[in-house]
Amino acid sequence: MGRLIVIEGLDGSGKATQAGLLAVNLRGKGMDVEELSFPCYDDESSLFVRRYLEGDFGESPFEVNCYAASMFFALDRYVSFQKRWGLKYKAGGLFVADRYTTSNAVYQMAKLDEDEWDSFLRWLTDFEQRKLAVPKPDKVIYLDVEPSLGERLMLERYGGDAGKLDIHERNMDFQKRGRKAALYCAKAQGWTVIDCGKGGEMRCKEEIAREVLGACGGIFQPDALPADRA
């Protein structure tokens, strides 16, 4: 089977940037890497994801229960795996993903009381990795950013137009609960956490990228990364 590295984080944490930099850095070491990004907004498989995030099923993410919303995102990933990258993965390919099954763990678990988190994680693992049989990540790297900083960065991305924010992005209570859920998942499932903020600002993206690359050393052969990162 192949290898899958997942870059996870709240909205505005720099996931796409760091996933792209990691792919570039690994290619620079002679590795054949394919990049993935979820949800697959340009594919019909993301129809229910898009409708959910646009608020068609309720203006608050809490109006759609965690199991229904998880299915929207999970089926989008299943279709992507079956149509796009499954064969290469099964042949030993290397993939870097901006979001993955881990996003369901972060965002959908945030809708539940904390005493339900463990049972939800068990359900999610069984549903996605056993019943749908999408690959389990070899490494998950969580980019930790304060929700208030993430909100500011998202607004900058959208030119200050708050109307472009989806129902996850514009709900700060949800983002805060998501961060708490993410840090819980990181501890429970062995994710690597990288602190991306410093003094109310994002750290240098190249500095973060070096930490991301170093965190991946354990899933490669000892000579695949520099000695101080392997």
Protein backbone atom coordinates (compact mmCIF):
# COMPACT_ATOMS: atom_id res chain seq x y z
CA MET A 1 0.00 0.00 0.00
CA GLY A 2 0.96 3.65 -0.30
CA ARG A 3 1.63 6.36 2.25
CA LEU A 4 -0.61 9.25 3.18
CA ILE A 5 0.37 12.40 5.09
CA VAL A 6 -2.46 14.67 6.23
CA ILE A 7 -2.17 18.37 7.02
CA GLU A 8 -5.06 19.28 9.32
CA GLY A 9 -6.12 22.50 11.03
CA LEU A 10 -8.88 24.99 11.59
CA ASP A 11 -9.93 27.44 8.90
CA GLY A 12 -7.20 29.98 8.23
CA SER A 13 -4.39 27.85 9.68
CA GLY A 14 -2.42 27.59 6.43
CA LYS A 15 -3.18 23.98 5.53
CA ALA A 16 -3.10 24.45 1.75
CA THR A 17 0.15 26.41 1.98
CA GLN A 18 1.88 23.83 4.15
CA ALA A 19 0.58 20.86 2.16
CA GLY A 20 1.95 22.46 -0.99
CA LEU A 21 5.31 23.26 0.60
CA LEU A 22 5.61 19.73 1.97
CA ALA A 23 4.97 18.28 -1.49
CA VAL A 24 7.60 20.60 -2.98
CA ASN A 25 10.14 19.67 -0.29
CA LEU A 26 9.56 15.95 -0.74
CA ARG A 27 9.85 16.23 -4.53
CA GLY A 28 13.12 18.05 -3.97
CA LYS A 29 14.34 14.88 -2.26
CA GLY A 30 13.43 12.81 -5.31
CA MET A 31 10.07 11.55 -4.12
CA ASP A 32 7.05 11.17 -6.39
CA VAL A 33 4.29 12.96 -4.49
CA GLU A 34 0.67 13.63 -5.41
CA GLU A 35 -1.35 16.32 -3.67
CA LEU A 36 -4.95 15.91 -2.50
CA SER A 37 -7.39 18.47 -1.17
CA PHE A 38 -10.75 17.89 0.49
CA PRO A 39 -13.58 18.57 0.01
CA CYS A 40 -13.44 18.09 -3.78
CA TYR A 41 -15.42 21.23 -4.55
CA ASP A 42 -15.19 20.82 -8.34
CA ASP A 43 -16.61 17.30 -8.28
CA GLU A 44 -20.28 16.34 -8.12
CA SER A 45 -19.46 14.18 -5.11
CA SER A 46 -19.23 17.33 -2.98
CA LEU A 47 -22.82 18.43 -3.70
CA PHE A 48 -24.11 17.83 -0.17
CA VAL A 49 -20.91 19.23 1.37
CA ARG A 50 -21.35 22.45 -0.60
CA ARG A 51 -25.03 22.75 0.26
CA TYR A 52 -24.28 22.16 3.93
CA LEU A 53 -21.46 24.74 4.06
CA GLU A 54 -23.54 27.27 2.13
CA GLY A 55 -26.25 26.99 4.80
CA ASP A 56 -28.93 25.21 2.78
CA PHE A 57 -29.58 22.83 5.67
CA GLY A 58 -29.33 25.46 8.39
CA GLU A 59 -27.43 28.69 9.02
CA SER A 60 -25.55 27.19 11.97
CA PRO A 61 -23.37 24.07 11.71
CA PHE A 62 -25.05 22.83 14.89
CA GLU A 63 -28.35 22.48 12.99
CA VAL A 64 -26.99 19.46 11.09
CA ASN A 65 -26.12 16.55 13.37
CA CYS A 66 -22.56 15.25 13.36
CA TYR A 67 -23.41 11.88 11.82
CA ALA A 68 -25.29 13.31 8.83
CA ALA A 69 -22.62 15.93 8.14
CA SER A 70 -19.86 13.32 8.52
CA MET A 71 -21.50 11.25 5.81
CA PHE A 72 -21.52 14.21 3.39
CA PHE A 73 -17.75 14.66 3.72
CA ALA A 74 -16.91 10.95 3.95
CA LEU A 75 -18.72 10.04 0.74
CA ASP A 76 -16.93 12.85 -1.10
CA ARG A 77 -13.61 11.32 -0.02
CA TYR A 78 -14.77 7.82 -0.94
CA VAL A 79 -15.63 8.91 -4.48
CA SER A 80 -12.27 10.69 -4.79
CA PHE A 81 -10.40 7.58 -3.64
CA GLN A 82 -12.31 5.33 -6.04
CA LYS A 83 -12.05 7.63 -9.06
CA ARG A 84 -8.78 9.49 -8.69
CA TRP A 85 -6.07 8.16 -6.44
CA GLY A 86 -6.96 4.69 -5.18
CA LEU A 87 -5.05 2.70 -7.79
CA LYS A 88 -1.87 4.71 -7.35
CA TYR A 89 -2.16 4.48 -3.59
CA LYS A 90 -2.55 0.70 -3.75
CA ALA A 91 0.52 0.57 -6.00
CA GLY A 92 2.61 2.30 -3.33
CA GLY A 93 2.11 5.98 -4.13
CA LEU A 94 2.87 8.82 -1.75
CA PHE A 95 0.17 11.44 -1.07
CA VAL A 96 -0.08 14.69 0.86
CA ALA A 97 -3.62 15.76 1.74
CA ASP A 98 -4.99 19.15 2.73
CA ARG A 99 -7.73 17.89 5.09
CA TYR A 100 -8.96 14.31 5.25
CA THR A 101 -11.06 12.06 7.50
CA THR A 102 -9.47 13.96 10.38
CA SER A 103 -11.63 17.00 9.55
CA ASN A 104 -14.73 15.04 10.49
CA ALA A 105 -13.07 14.22 13.79
CA VAL A 106 -12.35 17.91 14.44
CA TYR A 107 -15.46 19.66 13.21
CA GLN A 108 -18.22 17.13 13.70
CA MET A 109 -17.02 15.99 17.12
CA ALA A 110 -17.19 19.66 18.16
CA LYS A 111 -20.97 19.43 17.97
CA LEU A 112 -21.10 16.87 20.77
CA ASP A 113 -20.71 16.97 24.52
CA GLU A 114 -17.23 15.91 25.57
CA ASP A 115 -18.45 12.70 27.19
CA GLU A 116 -19.54 11.58 23.70
CA TRP A 117 -16.22 12.25 21.95
CA ASP A 118 -14.65 8.83 22.39
CA SER A 119 -17.72 6.99 21.10
CA PHE A 120 -17.89 9.33 18.10
CA LEU A 121 -14.24 8.71 17.26
CA ARG A 122 -14.85 4.95 17.40
CA TRP A 123 -17.88 5.31 15.11
CA LEU A 124 -15.99 7.54 12.68
CA THR A 125 -13.00 5.20 12.44
CA ASP A 126 -15.26 2.23 11.81
CA PHE A 127 -17.37 4.09 9.22
CA GLU A 128 -14.61 5.67 7.16
CA GLN A 129 -11.68 3.27 7.45
CA ARG A 130 -13.51 -0.05 7.75
CA LYS A 131 -16.90 0.29 6.08
CA LEU A 132 -15.89 2.78 3.36
CA ALA A 133 -12.32 1.42 3.38
CA VAL A 134 -10.54 4.70 2.64
CA PRO A 135 -6.89 4.63 3.75
CA LYS A 136 -5.79 5.39 7.27
CA PRO A 137 -3.25 8.25 7.36
CA ASP A 138 0.35 7.34 8.12
CA LYS A 139 0.93 10.78 9.63
CA VAL A 140 -1.39 13.60 10.71
CA ILE A 141 0.07 17.05 11.34
CA TYR A 142 -2.24 19.53 13.07
CA LEU A 143 -1.46 23.20 12.50
CA ASP A 144 -2.57 24.89 15.70
CA VAL A 145 -3.77 28.50 15.36
CA GLU A 146 -5.90 30.58 17.71
CA PRO A 147 -9.40 30.88 16.15
CA SER A 148 -9.26 34.69 16.38
CA LEU A 149 -6.09 34.75 14.27
CA GLY A 150 -7.59 32.26 11.82
CA GLU A 151 -10.67 34.47 11.48
CA ARG A 152 -8.56 37.52 10.65
CA LEU A 153 -6.56 35.62 8.07
CA MET A 154 -9.72 34.26 6.45
CA LEU A 155 -11.18 37.75 6.15
CA GLU A 156 -7.94 38.95 4.58
CA ARG A 157 -8.18 36.07 2.11
CA TYR A 158 -11.69 37.16 1.14
CA GLY A 159 -10.79 40.84 0.89
CA GLY A 160 -12.72 41.68 4.05
CA ASP A 161 -15.99 40.32 2.64
CA ALA A 162 -17.52 38.35 5.52
CA GLY A 163 -20.32 37.26 3.19
CA LYS A 164 -17.90 34.80 1.58
CA LEU A 165 -17.38 32.88 4.81
CA ASP A 166 -19.13 29.50 5.01
CA ILE A 167 -21.15 28.40 8.05
CA HIS A 168 -18.05 26.88 9.68
CA GLU A 169 -15.80 29.86 9.04
CA ARG A 170 -18.16 32.54 10.35
CA ASN A 171 -19.11 30.79 13.60
CA MET A 172 -16.42 31.59 16.17
CA ASP A 173 -17.98 29.48 18.89
CA PHE A 174 -17.81 26.53 16.52
CA GLN A 175 -14.17 27.29 15.66
CA LYS A 176 -13.26 27.43 19.35
CA ARG A 177 -14.99 24.12 20.03
CA GLY A 178 -13.27 22.69 16.96
CA ARG A 179 -9.86 23.65 18.30
CA LYS A 180 -10.60 21.97 21.62
CA ALA A 181 -11.78 18.86 19.79
CA ALA A 182 -8.70 18.89 17.55
CA LEU A 183 -6.27 19.01 20.45
CA TYR A 184 -8.19 16.16 22.08
CA CYS A 185 -7.94 14.12 18.86
CA ALA A 186 -4.24 14.91 18.57
CA LYS A 187 -3.60 13.44 22.00
CA ALA A 188 -5.94 10.48 21.53
CA GLN A 189 -4.74 9.54 18.04
CA GLY A 190 -1.09 10.56 18.10
CA TRP A 191 -1.17 13.55 15.76
CA THR A 192 1.80 15.93 15.65
CA VAL A 193 0.81 19.44 16.78
CA ILE A 194 2.71 22.44 15.38
CA ASP A 195 2.09 25.85 16.94
CA CYS A 196 1.79 28.23 13.99
CA GLY A 197 1.12 31.50 15.81
CA LYS A 198 3.47 33.84 17.64
CA GLY A 199 2.53 37.14 19.26
CA GLY A 200 -0.84 37.24 17.54
CA GLU A 201 0.67 36.69 14.09
CA MET A 202 1.44 33.67 11.94
CA ARG A 203 4.98 32.39 12.10
CA CYS A 204 7.08 32.42 8.93
CA LYS A 205 5.67 29.81 6.54
CA GLU A 206 9.16 28.49 5.71
CA GLU A 207 9.89 27.98 9.41
CA ILE A 208 6.65 26.05 9.85
CA ALA A 209 7.41 24.04 6.70
CA ARG A 210 10.72 22.87 8.17
CA GLU A 211 8.88 21.56 11.23
CA VAL A 212 6.28 19.85 9.04
CA LEU A 213 9.00 18.16 7.00
CA GLY A 214 10.82 17.07 10.13
CA ALA A 215 7.63 15.58 11.57
CA CYS A 216 7.33 13.32 8.51
CA GLY A 217 10.73 11.68 8.88
CA GLY A 218 9.44 8.70 10.81
CA ILE A 219 7.35 7.32 7.94
CA PHE A 220 10.25 7.20 5.46
CA GLN A 221 13.43 5.18 5.23
CA PRO A 222 16.20 6.64 7.45
CA ASP A 223 18.10 8.05 4.45
CA ALA A 224 15.06 9.74 2.88
CA LEU A 225 15.35 12.96 4.93
CA PRO A 226 18.31 14.92 6.31
CA ALA A 227 20.01 13.35 9.31
CA ASP A 228 18.66 15.98 11.70
CA ARG A 229 15.11 15.38 10.50
CA ALA A 230 14.97 11.62 10.01
